[in-house]
Amino acid sequence: MDKATGSIAGSTRMYDYNAQNNSILIGYTFYATAYWGKGVNHAVKALLLDYLFQHVTEVYFHIGANNIRSQIAIGRLGAEKVSEQQVAYFGELPKLNYVYKIAKEAWLVRKQVSS
């Protein structure tokens, strides 16, 4: 929520916790175009990563193969593309997604360097 206007800025979610691999996914991220390029996505993802790395050692992201903007954004957070996967979103045919990963150690080093 945008506290200044009361508008919905967007949403994201965590899903598919994997106890065996000590990992979780972040995805289904959507922001209104008015919030693109304003640092909202970066701030939200950093907040989520800080929280999640208290509980898991790896965080993965599903990003649409055609979503170049999100691929660049997730790369800026330090995530690396590790695979490709067909993902069936609710009510849609499967679509090619790229899977990106950030490990806890890499995130902590990145945060320390940027401080």
PDB file of N, CA and C in Angstrom:
ATOM      1  N   MET A   1       0.841  -1.183   0.000  1.00  0.00           N
ATOM      2  CA  MET A   1       0.000   0.000   0.000  1.00  0.00           C
ATOM      3  C   MET A   1       0.884   1.244   0.000  1.00  0.00           C
ATOM      4  N   ASP A   2       0.445   2.217  -0.759  1.00  0.00           N
ATOM      5  CA  ASP A   2       1.101   3.511  -0.758  1.00  0.00           C
ATOM      6  C   ASP A   2       0.451   4.328   0.345  1.00  0.00           C
ATOM      7  N   LYS A   3       1.176   4.551   1.422  1.00  0.00           N
ATOM      8  CA  LYS A   3       0.605   5.251   2.570  1.00  0.00           C
ATOM      9  C   LYS A   3       0.191   6.676   2.234  1.00  0.00           C
ATOM     10  N   ALA A   4       0.873   7.296   1.296  1.00  0.00           N
ATOM     11  CA  ALA A   4       0.559   8.678   0.944  1.00  0.00           C
ATOM     12  C   ALA A   4      -0.765   8.801   0.207  1.00  0.00           C
ATOM     13  N   THR A   5      -1.095   7.803  -0.613  1.00  0.00           N
ATOM     14  CA  THR A   5      -2.308   7.902  -1.442  1.00  0.00           C
ATOM     15  C   THR A   5      -3.381   6.876  -1.095  1.00  0.00           C
ATOM     16  N   GLY A   6      -2.987   5.828  -0.361  1.00  0.00           N
ATOM     17  CA  GLY A   6      -3.924   4.745  -0.068  1.00  0.00           C
ATOM     18  C   GLY A   6      -4.077   3.778  -1.227  1.00  0.00           C
ATOM     19  N   SER A   7      -3.341   3.991  -2.305  1.00  0.00           N
ATOM     20  CA  SER A   7      -3.407   3.112  -3.477  1.00  0.00           C
ATOM     21  C   SER A   7      -2.642   1.818  -3.229  1.00  0.00           C
ATOM     22  N   ILE A   8      -3.059   0.785  -3.915  1.00  0.00           N
ATOM     23  CA  ILE A   8      -2.325  -0.475  -3.869  1.00  0.00           C
ATOM     24  C   ILE A   8      -1.148  -0.360  -4.823  1.00  0.00           C
ATOM     25  N   ALA A   9       0.047  -0.504  -4.285  1.00  0.00           N
ATOM     26  CA  ALA A   9       1.253  -0.417  -5.104  1.00  0.00           C
ATOM     27  C   ALA A   9       1.497  -1.738  -5.827  1.00  0.00           C
ATOM     28  N   GLY A  10       1.180  -2.852  -5.168  1.00  0.00           N
ATOM     29  CA  GLY A  10       1.395  -4.146  -5.792  1.00  0.00           C
ATOM     30  C   GLY A  10       1.433  -5.244  -4.763  1.00  0.00           C
ATOM     31  N   SER A  11       1.961  -6.392  -5.183  1.00  0.00           N
ATOM     32  CA  SER A  11       2.030  -7.536  -4.283  1.00  0.00           C
ATOM     33  C   SER A  11       3.120  -8.496  -4.730  1.00  0.00           C
ATOM     34  N   THR A  12       3.504  -9.345  -3.802  1.00  0.00           N
ATOM     35  CA  THR A  12       4.428 -10.434  -4.075  1.00  0.00           C
ATOM     36  C   THR A  12       4.118 -11.527  -3.070  1.00  0.00           C
ATOM     37  N   ARG A  13       4.674 -12.694  -3.270  1.00  0.00           N
ATOM     38  CA  ARG A  13       4.405 -13.757  -2.295  1.00  0.00           C
ATOM     39  C   ARG A  13       5.576 -14.721  -2.179  1.00  0.00           C
ATOM     40  N   MET A  14       5.567 -15.423  -1.053  1.00  0.00           N
ATOM     41  CA  MET A  14       6.508 -16.506  -0.791  1.00  0.00           C
ATOM     42  C   MET A  14       5.710 -17.799  -0.923  1.00  0.00           C
ATOM     43  N   TYR A  15       6.335 -18.837  -1.458  1.00  0.00           N
ATOM     44  CA  TYR A  15       5.631 -20.109  -1.635  1.00  0.00           C
ATOM     45  C   TYR A  15       6.630 -21.237  -1.834  1.00  0.00           C
ATOM     46  N   ASP A  16       6.128 -22.452  -1.802  1.00  0.00           N
ATOM     47  CA  ASP A  16       6.899 -23.669  -2.047  1.00  0.00           C
ATOM     48  C   ASP A  16       8.111 -23.820  -1.123  1.00  0.00           C
ATOM     49  N   TYR A  17       7.871 -23.643   0.181  1.00  0.00           N
ATOM     50  CA  TYR A  17       8.931 -23.911   1.152  1.00  0.00           C
ATOM     51  C   TYR A  17       9.372 -25.363   1.004  1.00  0.00           C
ATOM     52  N   ASN A  18      10.682 -25.596   0.985  1.00  0.00           N
ATOM     53  CA  ASN A  18      11.236 -26.933   0.852  1.00  0.00           C
ATOM     54  C   ASN A  18      12.168 -27.185   2.038  1.00  0.00           C
ATOM     55  N   ALA A  19      11.674 -27.940   3.011  1.00  0.00           N
ATOM     56  CA  ALA A  19      12.452 -28.207   4.229  1.00  0.00           C
ATOM     57  C   ALA A  19      13.731 -28.989   3.926  1.00  0.00           C
ATOM     58  N   GLN A  20      13.644 -29.928   2.995  1.00  0.00           N
ATOM     59  CA  GLN A  20      14.801 -30.763   2.667  1.00  0.00           C
ATOM     60  C   GLN A  20      15.945 -29.924   2.080  1.00  0.00           C
ATOM     61  N   ASN A  21      15.611 -28.976   1.213  1.00  0.00           N
ATOM     62  CA  ASN A  21      16.630 -28.111   0.598  1.00  0.00           C
ATOM     63  C   ASN A  21      16.837 -26.817   1.372  1.00  0.00           C
ATOM     64  N   ASN A  22      16.030 -26.614   2.419  1.00  0.00           N
ATOM     65  CA  ASN A  22      16.095 -25.394   3.222  1.00  0.00           C
ATOM     66  C   ASN A  22      15.973 -24.158   2.331  1.00  0.00           C
ATOM     67  N   SER A  23      14.905 -24.164   1.491  1.00  0.00           N
ATOM     68  CA  SER A  23      14.719 -23.086   0.526  1.00  0.00           C
ATOM     69  C   SER A  23      13.246 -22.699   0.403  1.00  0.00           C
ATOM     70  N   ILE A  24      13.026 -21.578  -0.245  1.00  0.00           N
ATOM     71  CA  ILE A  24      11.675 -21.074  -0.509  1.00  0.00           C
ATOM     72  C   ILE A  24      11.724 -20.260  -1.793  1.00  0.00           C
ATOM     73  N   LEU A  25      10.566 -20.081  -2.400  1.00  0.00           N
ATOM     74  CA  LEU A  25      10.455 -19.272  -3.615  1.00  0.00           C
ATOM     75  C   LEU A  25       9.768 -17.948  -3.319  1.00  0.00           C
ATOM     76  N   ILE A  26      10.159 -16.929  -4.077  1.00  0.00           N
ATOM     77  CA  ILE A  26       9.449 -15.647  -4.121  1.00  0.00           C
ATOM     78  C   ILE A  26       9.007 -15.473  -5.562  1.00  0.00           C
ATOM     79  N   GLY A  27       7.775 -15.056  -5.739  1.00  0.00           N
ATOM     80  CA  GLY A  27       7.282 -14.816  -7.088  1.00  0.00           C
ATOM     81  C   GLY A  27       5.899 -14.208  -7.063  1.00  0.00           C
ATOM     82  N   TYR A  28       5.232 -14.280  -8.206  1.00  0.00           N
ATOM     83  CA  TYR A  28       3.908 -13.680  -8.360  1.00  0.00           C
ATOM     84  C   TYR A  28       3.963 -12.201  -7.960  1.00  0.00           C
ATOM     85  N   THR A  29       5.026 -11.533  -8.352  1.00  0.00           N
ATOM     86  CA  THR A  29       5.219 -10.129  -8.004  1.00  0.00           C
ATOM     87  C   THR A  29       4.639  -9.250  -9.099  1.00  0.00           C
ATOM     88  N   PHE A  30       3.790  -8.345  -8.691  1.00  0.00           N
ATOM     89  CA  PHE A  30       3.163  -7.404  -9.628  1.00  0.00           C
ATOM     90  C   PHE A  30       3.097  -6.031  -8.970  1.00  0.00           C
ATOM     91  N   TYR A  31       3.553  -5.015  -9.673  1.00  0.00           N
ATOM     92  CA  TYR A  31       3.446  -3.635  -9.190  1.00  0.00           C
ATOM     93  C   TYR A  31       2.777  -2.792 -10.258  1.00  0.00           C
ATOM     94  N   ALA A  32       1.982  -1.843  -9.814  1.00  0.00           N
ATOM     95  CA  ALA A  32       1.363  -0.896 -10.745  1.00  0.00           C
ATOM     96  C   ALA A  32       2.476  -0.108 -11.434  1.00  0.00           C
ATOM     97  N   THR A  33       2.279   0.237 -12.697  1.00  0.00           N
ATOM     98  CA  THR A  33       3.328   0.919 -13.459  1.00  0.00           C
ATOM     99  C   THR A  33       3.767   2.228 -12.809  1.00  0.00           C
ATOM    100  N   ALA A  34       2.897   2.862 -12.040  1.00  0.00           N
ATOM    101  CA  ALA A  34       3.262   4.105 -11.350  1.00  0.00           C
ATOM    102  C   ALA A  34       4.398   3.881 -10.355  1.00  0.00           C
ATOM    103  N   TYR A  35       4.643   2.626  -9.964  1.00  0.00           N
ATOM    104  CA  TYR A  35       5.662   2.318  -8.969  1.00  0.00           C
ATOM    105  C   TYR A  35       6.922   1.705  -9.579  1.00  0.00           C
ATOM    106  N   TRP A  36       6.925   1.531 -10.890  1.00  0.00           N
ATOM    107  CA  TRP A  36       8.107   1.005 -11.553  1.00  0.00           C
ATOM    108  C   TRP A  36       9.222   2.040 -11.481  1.00  0.00           C
ATOM    109  N   GLY A  37      10.444   1.589 -11.258  1.00  0.00           N
ATOM    110  CA  GLY A  37      11.597   2.478 -11.252  1.00  0.00           C
ATOM    111  C   GLY A  37      11.698   3.383 -10.030  1.00  0.00           C
ATOM    112  N   LYS A  38      10.906   3.113  -9.026  1.00  0.00           N
ATOM    113  CA  LYS A  38      10.891   3.945  -7.815  1.00  0.00           C
ATOM    114  C   LYS A  38      11.612   3.276  -6.642  1.00  0.00           C
ATOM    115  N   GLY A  39      12.128   2.068  -6.836  1.00  0.00           N
ATOM    116  CA  GLY A  39      12.828   1.360  -5.774  1.00  0.00           C
ATOM    117  C   GLY A  39      11.932   0.493  -4.903  1.00  0.00           C
ATOM    118  N   VAL A  40      10.635   0.431  -5.230  1.00  0.00           N
ATOM    119  CA  VAL A  40       9.702  -0.349  -4.417  1.00  0.00           C
ATOM    120  C   VAL A  40      10.052  -1.837  -4.473  1.00  0.00           C
ATOM    121  N   ASN A  41      10.237  -2.365  -5.657  1.00  0.00           N
ATOM    122  CA  ASN A  41      10.540  -3.789  -5.799  1.00  0.00           C
ATOM    123  C   ASN A  41      11.827  -4.140  -5.061  1.00  0.00           C
ATOM    124  N   HIS A  42      12.853  -3.340  -5.235  1.00  0.00           N
ATOM    125  CA  HIS A  42      14.129  -3.599  -4.564  1.00  0.00           C
ATOM    126  C   HIS A  42      13.953  -3.588  -3.046  1.00  0.00           C
ATOM    127  N   ALA A  43      13.252  -2.599  -2.527  1.00  0.00           N
ATOM    128  CA  ALA A  43      13.046  -2.487  -1.083  1.00  0.00           C
ATOM    129  C   ALA A  43      12.253  -3.667  -0.529  1.00  0.00           C
ATOM    130  N   VAL A  44      11.202  -4.058  -1.236  1.00  0.00           N
ATOM    131  CA  VAL A  44      10.373  -5.181  -0.778  1.00  0.00           C
ATOM    132  C   VAL A  44      11.170  -6.482  -0.818  1.00  0.00           C
ATOM    133  N   LYS A  45      11.899  -6.716  -1.906  1.00  0.00           N
ATOM    134  CA  LYS A  45      12.681  -7.948  -2.019  1.00  0.00           C
ATOM    135  C   LYS A  45      13.772  -7.985  -0.950  1.00  0.00           C
ATOM    136  N   ALA A  46      14.437  -6.858  -0.691  1.00  0.00           N
ATOM    137  CA  ALA A  46      15.475  -6.824   0.340  1.00  0.00           C
ATOM    138  C   ALA A  46      14.877  -7.130   1.716  1.00  0.00           C
ATOM    139  N   LEU A  47      13.720  -6.574   1.993  1.00  0.00           N
ATOM    140  CA  LEU A  47      13.039  -6.848   3.264  1.00  0.00           C
ATOM    141  C   LEU A  47      12.694  -8.331   3.388  1.00  0.00           C
ATOM    142  N   LEU A  48      12.148  -8.902   2.321  1.00  0.00           N
ATOM    143  CA  LEU A  48      11.814 -10.324   2.318  1.00  0.00           C
ATOM    144  C   LEU A  48      13.068 -11.189   2.492  1.00  0.00           C
ATOM    145  N   LEU A  49      14.129 -10.851   1.782  1.00  0.00           N
ATOM    146  CA  LEU A  49      15.353 -11.647   1.887  1.00  0.00           C
ATOM    147  C   LEU A  49      15.938 -11.575   3.295  1.00  0.00           C
ATOM    148  N   ASP A  50      15.953 -10.387   3.885  1.00  0.00           N
ATOM    149  CA  ASP A  50      16.447 -10.264   5.261  1.00  0.00           C
ATOM    150  C   ASP A  50      15.650 -11.156   6.206  1.00  0.00           C
ATOM    151  N   TYR A  51      14.346 -11.187   6.030  1.00  0.00           N
ATOM    152  CA  TYR A  51      13.491 -12.032   6.871  1.00  0.00           C
ATOM    153  C   TYR A  51      13.711 -13.517   6.570  1.00  0.00           C
ATOM    154  N   LEU A  52      13.637 -13.875   5.299  1.00  0.00           N
ATOM    155  CA  LEU A  52      13.706 -15.291   4.926  1.00  0.00           C
ATOM    156  C   LEU A  52      15.035 -15.936   5.291  1.00  0.00           C
ATOM    157  N   PHE A  53      16.119 -15.177   5.188  1.00  0.00           N
ATOM    158  CA  PHE A  53      17.417 -15.761   5.502  1.00  0.00           C
ATOM    159  C   PHE A  53      17.628 -15.972   7.000  1.00  0.00           C
ATOM    160  N   GLN A  54      16.666 -15.631   7.812  1.00  0.00           N
ATOM    161  CA  GLN A  54      16.671 -16.028   9.215  1.00  0.00           C
ATOM    162  C   GLN A  54      16.155 -17.461   9.358  1.00  0.00           C
ATOM    163  N   HIS A  55      15.558 -17.996   8.254  1.00  0.00           N
ATOM    164  CA  HIS A  55      14.886 -19.296   8.315  1.00  0.00           C
ATOM    165  C   HIS A  55      15.352 -20.299   7.265  1.00  0.00           C
ATOM    166  N   VAL A  56      15.886 -19.830   6.138  1.00  0.00           N
ATOM    167  CA  VAL A  56      16.325 -20.719   5.058  1.00  0.00           C
ATOM    168  C   VAL A  56      17.711 -20.297   4.586  1.00  0.00           C
ATOM    169  N   THR A  57      18.333 -21.155   3.778  1.00  0.00           N
ATOM    170  CA  THR A  57      19.665 -20.823   3.262  1.00  0.00           C
ATOM    171  C   THR A  57      19.670 -20.465   1.778  1.00  0.00           C
ATOM    172  N   GLU A  58      18.546 -20.718   1.086  1.00  0.00           N
ATOM    173  CA  GLU A  58      18.451 -20.370  -0.335  1.00  0.00           C
ATOM    174  C   GLU A  58      17.067 -19.835  -0.643  1.00  0.00           C
ATOM    175  N   VAL A  59      17.038 -18.794  -1.478  1.00  0.00           N
ATOM    176  CA  VAL A  59      15.774 -18.246  -1.952  1.00  0.00           C
ATOM    177  C   VAL A  59      15.812 -18.268  -3.473  1.00  0.00           C
ATOM    178  N   TYR A  60      14.738 -18.805  -4.055  1.00  0.00           N
ATOM    179  CA  TYR A  60      14.599 -18.885  -5.501  1.00  0.00           C
ATOM    180  C   TYR A  60      13.497 -17.939  -5.966  1.00  0.00           C
ATOM    181  N   PHE A  61      13.569 -17.552  -7.220  1.00  0.00           N
ATOM    182  CA  PHE A  61      12.585 -16.654  -7.827  1.00  0.00           C
ATOM    183  C   PHE A  61      12.145 -17.215  -9.169  1.00  0.00           C
ATOM    184  N   HIS A  62      10.862 -17.202  -9.448  1.00  0.00           N
ATOM    185  CA  HIS A  62      10.334 -17.492 -10.782  1.00  0.00           C
ATOM    186  C   HIS A  62      10.153 -16.160 -11.492  1.00  0.00           C
ATOM    187  N   ILE A  63      10.754 -16.039 -12.680  1.00  0.00           N
ATOM    188  CA  ILE A  63      10.621 -14.816 -13.466  1.00  0.00           C
ATOM    189  C   ILE A  63      10.312 -15.216 -14.901  1.00  0.00           C
ATOM    190  N   GLY A  64       9.265 -14.622 -15.441  1.00  0.00           N
ATOM    191  CA  GLY A  64       8.859 -14.929 -16.807  1.00  0.00           C
ATOM    192  C   GLY A  64      10.003 -14.754 -17.791  1.00  0.00           C
ATOM    193  N   ALA A  65      10.119 -15.696 -18.729  1.00  0.00           N
ATOM    194  CA  ALA A  65      11.202 -15.661 -19.718  1.00  0.00           C
ATOM    195  C   ALA A  65      11.180 -14.384 -20.542  1.00  0.00           C
ATOM    196  N   ASN A  66      10.018 -13.789 -20.723  1.00  0.00           N
ATOM    197  CA  ASN A  66       9.905 -12.563 -21.512  1.00  0.00           C
ATOM    198  C   ASN A  66       9.950 -11.306 -20.650  1.00  0.00           C
ATOM    199  N   ASN A  67      10.059 -11.462 -19.350  1.00  0.00           N
ATOM    200  CA  ASN A  67      10.031 -10.318 -18.438  1.00  0.00           C
ATOM    201  C   ASN A  67      11.454  -9.819 -18.187  1.00  0.00           C
ATOM    202  N   ILE A  68      11.987  -9.143 -19.180  1.00  0.00           N
ATOM    203  CA  ILE A  68      13.367  -8.657 -19.124  1.00  0.00           C
ATOM    204  C   ILE A  68      13.556  -7.669 -17.973  1.00  0.00           C
ATOM    205  N   ARG A  69      12.580  -6.806 -17.760  1.00  0.00           N
ATOM    206  CA  ARG A  69      12.656  -5.807 -16.693  1.00  0.00           C
ATOM    207  C   ARG A  69      12.884  -6.479 -15.326  1.00  0.00           C
ATOM    208  N   SER A  70      12.131  -7.533 -15.043  1.00  0.00           N
ATOM    209  CA  SER A  70      12.280  -8.242 -13.760  1.00  0.00           C
ATOM    210  C   SER A  70      13.582  -9.032 -13.699  1.00  0.00           C
ATOM    211  N   GLN A  71      14.026  -9.557 -14.823  1.00  0.00           N
ATOM    212  CA  GLN A  71      15.300 -10.276 -14.839  1.00  0.00           C
ATOM    213  C   GLN A  71      16.451  -9.339 -14.486  1.00  0.00           C
ATOM    214  N   ILE A  72      16.408  -8.123 -15.014  1.00  0.00           N
ATOM    215  CA  ILE A  72      17.440  -7.131 -14.695  1.00  0.00           C
ATOM    216  C   ILE A  72      17.359  -6.759 -13.217  1.00  0.00           C
ATOM    217  N   ALA A  73      16.134  -6.536 -12.733  1.00  0.00           N
ATOM    218  CA  ALA A  73      15.939  -6.121 -11.336  1.00  0.00           C
ATOM    219  C   ALA A  73      16.451  -7.186 -10.365  1.00  0.00           C
ATOM    220  N   ILE A  74      16.158  -8.446 -10.634  1.00  0.00           N
ATOM    221  CA  ILE A  74      16.580  -9.495  -9.717  1.00  0.00           C
ATOM    222  C   ILE A  74      18.093  -9.694  -9.781  1.00  0.00           C
ATOM    223  N   GLY A  75      18.670  -9.460 -10.944  1.00  0.00           N
ATOM    224  CA  GLY A  75      20.129  -9.499 -11.076  1.00  0.00           C
ATOM    225  C   GLY A  75      20.794  -8.427 -10.235  1.00  0.00           C
ATOM    226  N   ARG A  76      20.164  -7.272 -10.126  1.00  0.00           N
ATOM    227  CA  ARG A  76      20.706  -6.176  -9.302  1.00  0.00           C
ATOM    228  C   ARG A  76      20.725  -6.542  -7.822  1.00  0.00           C
ATOM    229  N   LEU A  77      19.867  -7.469  -7.427  1.00  0.00           N
ATOM    230  CA  LEU A  77      19.864  -7.946  -6.039  1.00  0.00           C
ATOM    231  C   LEU A  77      20.923  -9.025  -5.806  1.00  0.00           C
ATOM    232  N   GLY A  78      21.537  -9.486  -6.887  1.00  0.00           N
ATOM    233  CA  GLY A  78      22.570 -10.501  -6.762  1.00  0.00           C
ATOM    234  C   GLY A  78      22.127 -11.908  -7.110  1.00  0.00           C
ATOM    235  N   ALA A  79      20.890 -12.064  -7.575  1.00  0.00           N
ATOM    236  CA  ALA A  79      20.407 -13.395  -7.947  1.00  0.00           C
ATOM    237  C   ALA A  79      21.023 -13.823  -9.274  1.00  0.00           C
ATOM    238  N   GLU A  80      21.228 -15.126  -9.408  1.00  0.00           N
ATOM    239  CA  GLU A  80      21.780 -15.687 -10.637  1.00  0.00           C
ATOM    240  C   GLU A  80      20.805 -16.700 -11.226  1.00  0.00           C
ATOM    241  N   LYS A  81      20.699 -16.698 -12.545  1.00  0.00           N
ATOM    242  CA  LYS A  81      19.828 -17.659 -13.228  1.00  0.00           C
ATOM    243  C   LYS A  81      20.439 -19.045 -13.088  1.00  0.00           C
ATOM    244  N   VAL A  82      19.600 -20.002 -12.612  1.00  0.00           N
ATOM    245  CA  VAL A  82      20.102 -21.362 -12.398  1.00  0.00           C
ATOM    246  C   VAL A  82      19.379 -22.411 -13.232  1.00  0.00           C
ATOM    247  N   SER A  83      18.188 -22.083 -13.740  1.00  0.00           N
ATOM    248  CA  SER A  83      17.474 -23.057 -14.564  1.00  0.00           C
ATOM    249  C   SER A  83      16.292 -22.403 -15.266  1.00  0.00           C
ATOM    250  N   GLU A  84      15.609 -23.218 -16.039  1.00  0.00           N
ATOM    251  CA  GLU A  84      14.379 -22.807 -16.710  1.00  0.00           C
ATOM    252  C   GLU A  84      13.302 -23.811 -16.349  1.00  0.00           C
ATOM    253  N   GLN A  85      12.066 -23.334 -16.228  1.00  0.00           N
ATOM    254  CA  GLN A  85      10.977 -24.209 -15.779  1.00  0.00           C
ATOM    255  C   GLN A  85       9.650 -23.733 -16.364  1.00  0.00           C
ATOM    256  N   GLN A  86       8.826 -24.671 -16.762  1.00  0.00           N
ATOM    257  CA  GLN A  86       7.459 -24.350 -17.174  1.00  0.00           C
ATOM    258  C   GLN A  86       6.626 -24.169 -15.904  1.00  0.00           C
ATOM    259  N   VAL A  87       5.941 -23.039 -15.796  1.00  0.00           N
ATOM    260  CA  VAL A  87       5.111 -22.756 -14.622  1.00  0.00           C
ATOM    261  C   VAL A  87       3.686 -22.498 -15.088  1.00  0.00           C
ATOM    262  N   ALA A  88       2.734 -23.199 -14.471  1.00  0.00           N
ATOM    263  CA  ALA A  88       1.316 -23.008 -14.790  1.00  0.00           C
ATOM    264  C   ALA A  88       0.712 -22.079 -13.741  1.00  0.00           C
ATOM    265  N   TYR A  89       0.454 -20.846 -14.133  1.00  0.00           N
ATOM    266  CA  TYR A  89      -0.202 -19.907 -13.232  1.00  0.00           C
ATOM    267  C   TYR A  89      -1.694 -20.170 -13.249  1.00  0.00           C
ATOM    268  N   PHE A  90      -2.357 -19.835 -12.178  1.00  0.00           N
ATOM    269  CA  PHE A  90      -3.780 -20.126 -12.006  1.00  0.00           C
ATOM    270  C   PHE A  90      -4.582 -19.717 -13.237  1.00  0.00           C
ATOM    271  N   GLY A  91      -5.271 -20.679 -13.816  1.00  0.00           N
ATOM    272  CA  GLY A  91      -6.153 -20.413 -14.943  1.00  0.00           C
ATOM    273  C   GLY A  91      -5.458 -20.162 -16.268  1.00  0.00           C
ATOM    274  N   GLU A  92      -4.151 -20.387 -16.342  1.00  0.00           N
ATOM    275  CA  GLU A  92      -3.396 -20.145 -17.572  1.00  0.00           C
ATOM    276  C   GLU A  92      -2.646 -21.399 -17.999  1.00  0.00           C
ATOM    277  N   LEU A  93      -2.274 -21.444 -19.258  1.00  0.00           N
ATOM    278  CA  LEU A  93      -1.406 -22.506 -19.743  1.00  0.00           C
ATOM    279  C   LEU A  93      -0.003 -22.300 -19.177  1.00  0.00           C
ATOM    280  N   PRO A  94       0.785 -23.361 -19.066  1.00  0.00           N
ATOM    281  CA  PRO A  94       2.155 -23.209 -18.569  1.00  0.00           C
ATOM    282  C   PRO A  94       2.959 -22.232 -19.429  1.00  0.00           C
ATOM    283  N   LYS A  95       3.829 -21.479 -18.769  1.00  0.00           N
ATOM    284  CA  LYS A  95       4.698 -20.512 -19.440  1.00  0.00           C
ATOM    285  C   LYS A  95       6.127 -20.741 -18.985  1.00  0.00           C
ATOM    286  N   LEU A  96       7.065 -20.469 -19.885  1.00  0.00           N
ATOM    287  CA  LEU A  96       8.471 -20.608 -19.549  1.00  0.00           C
ATOM    288  C   LEU A  96       8.876 -19.528 -18.544  1.00  0.00           C
ATOM    289  N   ASN A  97       9.467 -19.960 -17.441  1.00  0.00           N
ATOM    290  CA  ASN A  97      10.010 -19.061 -16.427  1.00  0.00           C
ATOM    291  C   ASN A  97      11.481 -19.387 -16.246  1.00  0.00           C
ATOM    292  N   TYR A  98      12.244 -18.368 -15.896  1.00  0.00           N
ATOM    293  CA  TYR A  98      13.622 -18.582 -15.497  1.00  0.00           C
ATOM    294  C   TYR A  98      13.630 -18.662 -13.975  1.00  0.00           C
ATOM    295  N   VAL A  99      14.473 -19.531 -13.469  1.00  0.00           N
ATOM    296  CA  VAL A  99      14.608 -19.678 -12.025  1.00  0.00           C
ATOM    297  C   VAL A  99      15.929 -19.028 -11.628  1.00  0.00           C
ATOM    298  N   TYR A 100      15.822 -18.071 -10.720  1.00  0.00           N
ATOM    299  CA  TYR A 100      16.991 -17.373 -10.185  1.00  0.00           C
ATOM    300  C   TYR A 100      17.162 -17.783  -8.730  1.00  0.00           C
ATOM    301  N   LYS A 101      18.405 -17.675  -8.238  1.00  0.00           N
ATOM    302  CA  LYS A 101      18.693 -18.083  -6.861  1.00  0.00           C
ATOM    303  C   LYS A 101      19.615 -17.079  -6.194  1.00  0.00           C
ATOM    304  N   ILE A 102      19.362 -16.870  -4.900  1.00  0.00           N
ATOM    305  CA  ILE A 102      20.290 -16.148  -4.033  1.00  0.00           C
ATOM    306  C   ILE A 102      20.521 -17.036  -2.810  1.00  0.00           C
ATOM    307  N   ALA A 103      21.785 -17.292  -2.505  1.00  0.00           N
ATOM    308  CA  ALA A 103      22.136 -18.042  -1.300  1.00  0.00           C
ATOM    309  C   ALA A 103      22.347 -17.056  -0.156  1.00  0.00           C
ATOM    310  N   LYS A 104      22.090 -17.514   1.046  1.00  0.00           N
ATOM    311  CA  LYS A 104      22.205 -16.678   2.232  1.00  0.00           C
ATOM    312  C   LYS A 104      23.590 -16.026   2.332  1.00  0.00           C
ATOM    313  N   GLU A 105      24.642 -16.801   2.138  1.00  0.00           N
ATOM    314  CA  GLU A 105      25.998 -16.268   2.251  1.00  0.00           C
ATOM    315  C   GLU A 105      26.236 -15.138   1.256  1.00  0.00           C
ATOM    316  N   ALA A 106      25.794 -15.316   0.036  1.00  0.00           N
ATOM    317  CA  ALA A 106      25.966 -14.284  -0.999  1.00  0.00           C
ATOM    318  C   ALA A 106      25.189 -13.017  -0.644  1.00  0.00           C
ATOM    319  N   TRP A 107      23.984 -13.193  -0.103  1.00  0.00           N
ATOM    320  CA  TRP A 107      23.174 -12.037   0.288  1.00  0.00           C
ATOM    321  C   TRP A 107      23.856 -11.272   1.425  1.00  0.00           C
ATOM    322  N   LEU A 108      24.374 -11.971   2.407  1.00  0.00           N
ATOM    323  CA  LEU A 108      25.031 -11.315   3.537  1.00  0.00           C
ATOM    324  C   LEU A 108      26.279 -10.556   3.089  1.00  0.00           C
ATOM    325  N   VAL A 109      27.055 -11.150   2.199  1.00  0.00           N
ATOM    326  CA  VAL A 109      28.245 -10.476   1.663  1.00  0.00           C
ATOM    327  C   VAL A 109      27.828  -9.237   0.883  1.00  0.00           C
ATOM    328  N   ARG A 110      26.802  -9.354   0.059  1.00  0.00           N
ATOM    329  CA  ARG A 110      26.336  -8.229  -0.752  1.00  0.00           C
ATOM    330  C   ARG A 110      25.878  -7.083   0.143  1.00  0.00           C
ATOM    331  N   LYS A 111      25.156  -7.405   1.204  1.00  0.00           N
ATOM    332  CA  LYS A 111      24.683  -6.373   2.125  1.00  0.00           C
ATOM    333  C   LYS A 111      25.853  -5.694   2.827  1.00  0.00           C
ATOM    334  N   GLN A 112      26.848  -6.475   3.211  1.00  0.00           N
ATOM    335  CA  GLN A 112      28.006  -5.927   3.915  1.00  0.00           C
ATOM    336  C   GLN A 112      28.784  -4.979   2.997  1.00  0.00           C
ATOM    337  N   VAL A 113      28.939  -5.358   1.743  1.00  0.00           N
ATOM    338  CA  VAL A 113      29.677  -4.540   0.775  1.00  0.00           C
ATOM    339  C   VAL A 113      28.941  -3.225   0.505  1.00  0.00           C
ATOM    340  N   SER A 114      27.607  -3.281   0.446  1.00  0.00           N
ATOM    341  CA  SER A 114      26.827  -2.084   0.132  1.00  0.00           C
ATOM    342  C   SER A 114      26.607  -1.160   1.325  1.00  0.00           C
ATOM    343  N   SER A 115      27.012  -1.619   2.518  1.00  0.00           N
ATOM    344  CA  SER A 115      26.819  -0.787   3.722  1.00  0.00           C
ATOM    345  C   SER A 115      27.873   0.279   3.859  1.00  0.00           C
TER     346      SER A 115
END
